[in-house]
Amino acid sequence: MDIESLRIYCLQKPGVSEELPFGPDTLVFKVGLKIFLLIGLDQVDALSFNVKCAPEWAIELRESYPQTVFPGYHMNKKHWNTVFAHREADDHQLREWIDHSYDLVFRGLPKKQQEEIKEME
């Protein structure tokens, strides 16, 4: 997975927007008004991104993929993981973790907003 394929994958999800709220070097993907993925645009050699994760699964992933999944860099370590591509996980697993983050954030949105986003599909 490269940064452009990650971007395309995120943007195809219902209700997703991309922004640069933290400056020109950090691309943020949101569902509704809530962040589900952040990625640095200054990456050259290694692709990494932050995704939200259920706390129990976050610990399990860190233990199962010790060279790939780390506590979220500059994020709440309980709820966020930093994931490095091209290490122990394949693109299918990376997309699964992105989907989990999106779903987790989507389920936390107000019901009315969830319904509006579902109507976009």
Protein backbone atom coordinates (compact mmCIF):
# COMPACT_ATOMS: atom_id res chain seq x y z
CA MET A 1 0.00 0.00 0.00
CA ASP A 2 1.24 3.47 -0.82
CA ILE A 3 -0.07 6.82 0.34
CA GLU A 4 -2.22 7.38 -2.77
CA SER A 5 -3.92 3.97 -2.55
CA LEU A 6 -4.55 4.58 1.16
CA ARG A 7 -6.07 7.95 0.33
CA ILE A 8 -8.33 6.49 -2.35
CA TYR A 9 -9.40 3.68 -0.02
CA CYS A 10 -10.36 6.12 2.74
CA LEU A 11 -12.20 8.52 0.43
CA GLN A 12 -14.43 5.80 -1.02
CA LYS A 13 -16.06 5.29 2.38
CA PRO A 14 -19.41 7.05 3.02
CA GLY A 15 -19.24 10.46 4.69
CA VAL A 16 -15.44 10.76 4.57
CA SER A 17 -13.61 14.05 4.11
CA GLU A 18 -9.92 14.85 4.05
CA GLU A 19 -8.41 17.90 5.71
CA LEU A 20 -5.12 19.43 6.80
CA PRO A 21 -6.14 20.85 10.22
CA PHE A 22 -2.70 20.42 11.80
CA GLY A 23 -0.73 22.08 9.01
CA PRO A 24 0.42 21.11 5.52
CA ASP A 25 2.26 17.93 6.58
CA THR A 26 -0.54 15.90 8.21
CA LEU A 27 -3.47 14.62 6.19
CA VAL A 28 -6.53 13.76 8.28
CA PHE A 29 -9.49 11.62 7.25
CA LYS A 30 -12.77 12.16 9.06
CA VAL A 31 -16.18 10.55 9.07
CA GLY A 32 -18.65 13.18 10.08
CA LEU A 33 -16.48 15.57 12.06
CA LYS A 34 -14.43 12.85 13.81
CA ILE A 35 -10.94 11.70 12.84
CA PHE A 36 -10.41 8.03 12.00
CA LEU A 37 -6.99 8.18 10.28
CA LEU A 38 -4.00 10.52 10.18
CA ILE A 39 -0.98 10.27 7.92
CA GLY A 40 2.11 12.37 7.54
CA LEU A 41 2.65 13.72 4.04
CA ASP A 42 6.39 14.11 4.55
CA GLN A 43 7.02 10.36 4.52
CA VAL A 44 9.49 9.18 1.92
CA ASP A 45 11.01 5.87 2.95
CA ALA A 46 8.32 4.24 5.10
CA LEU A 47 4.56 4.62 5.10
CA SER A 48 2.91 4.83 8.51
CA PHE A 49 -0.45 6.10 9.70
CA ASN A 50 -2.51 6.39 12.88
CA VAL A 51 -5.85 4.62 13.26
CA LYS A 52 -8.31 4.38 16.12
CA CYS A 53 -8.69 0.96 17.70
CA ALA A 54 -10.71 -0.74 20.42
CA PRO A 55 -8.41 -0.79 23.46
CA GLU A 56 -8.35 -4.58 23.88
CA TRP A 57 -7.63 -5.19 20.20
CA ALA A 58 -4.99 -2.43 20.16
CA ILE A 59 -2.95 -4.36 22.73
CA GLU A 60 -3.45 -7.64 20.88
CA LEU A 61 -2.29 -6.11 17.59
CA ARG A 62 0.80 -4.59 19.20
CA GLU A 63 1.72 -7.98 20.64
CA SER A 64 0.98 -9.89 17.41
CA TYR A 65 2.73 -7.40 15.10
CA PRO A 66 5.62 -5.99 17.18
CA GLN A 67 7.43 -4.50 14.16
CA THR A 68 4.27 -3.04 12.60
CA VAL A 69 1.80 -1.79 15.24
CA PHE A 70 2.80 0.65 17.98
CA PRO A 71 0.96 2.89 20.46
CA GLY A 72 -0.35 5.93 18.57
CA TYR A 73 2.32 8.55 18.01
CA HIS A 74 1.13 11.89 19.47
CA MET A 75 -2.25 10.26 20.22
CA ASN A 76 -4.07 8.67 23.14
CA LYS A 77 -2.09 5.41 23.41
CA LYS A 78 -5.11 3.50 24.71
CA HIS A 79 -7.27 4.21 21.65
CA TRP A 80 -4.83 4.82 18.79
CA ASN A 81 -2.23 2.74 16.98
CA THR A 82 0.53 3.82 14.64
CA VAL A 83 0.78 1.26 11.84
CA PHE A 84 3.76 0.82 9.52
CA ALA A 85 3.07 -0.56 6.05
CA HIS A 86 5.40 -3.02 4.31
CA ARG A 87 6.42 -4.88 7.45
CA GLU A 88 4.56 -7.84 8.97
CA ALA A 89 1.05 -7.02 7.70
CA ASP A 90 -0.20 -7.23 4.14
CA ASP A 91 -2.48 -4.70 2.45
CA HIS A 92 -5.57 -6.75 3.32
CA GLN A 93 -4.76 -6.49 7.03
CA LEU A 94 -4.01 -2.77 6.73
CA ARG A 95 -7.40 -2.21 5.10
CA GLU A 96 -9.03 -4.27 7.88
CA TRP A 97 -7.49 -1.98 10.51
CA ILE A 98 -8.59 1.12 8.56
CA ASP A 99 -12.12 -0.32 8.33
CA HIS A 100 -12.14 -1.00 12.08
CA SER A 101 -11.12 2.60 12.79
CA TYR A 102 -13.77 3.99 10.44
CA ASP A 103 -16.48 1.73 11.94
CA LEU A 104 -15.48 2.58 15.51
CA VAL A 105 -15.67 6.31 14.83
CA PHE A 106 -18.86 6.00 12.76
CA ARG A 107 -20.63 4.12 15.58
CA GLY A 108 -19.68 6.95 17.95
CA LEU A 109 -21.46 9.57 15.84
CA PRO A 110 -24.96 10.77 16.78
CA LYS A 111 -27.67 8.50 15.30
CA LYS A 112 -29.01 11.30 13.11
CA GLN A 113 -25.59 11.87 11.58
CA GLN A 114 -25.14 8.11 11.06
CA GLU A 115 -28.45 7.99 9.19
CA GLU A 116 -27.47 10.94 6.99
CA ILE A 117 -24.20 9.24 6.07
CA LYS A 118 -25.93 5.92 5.36
CA GLU A 119 -28.21 7.77 2.93
CA MET A 120 -25.12 8.82 0.94
CA GLU A 121 -24.36 5.18 0.04
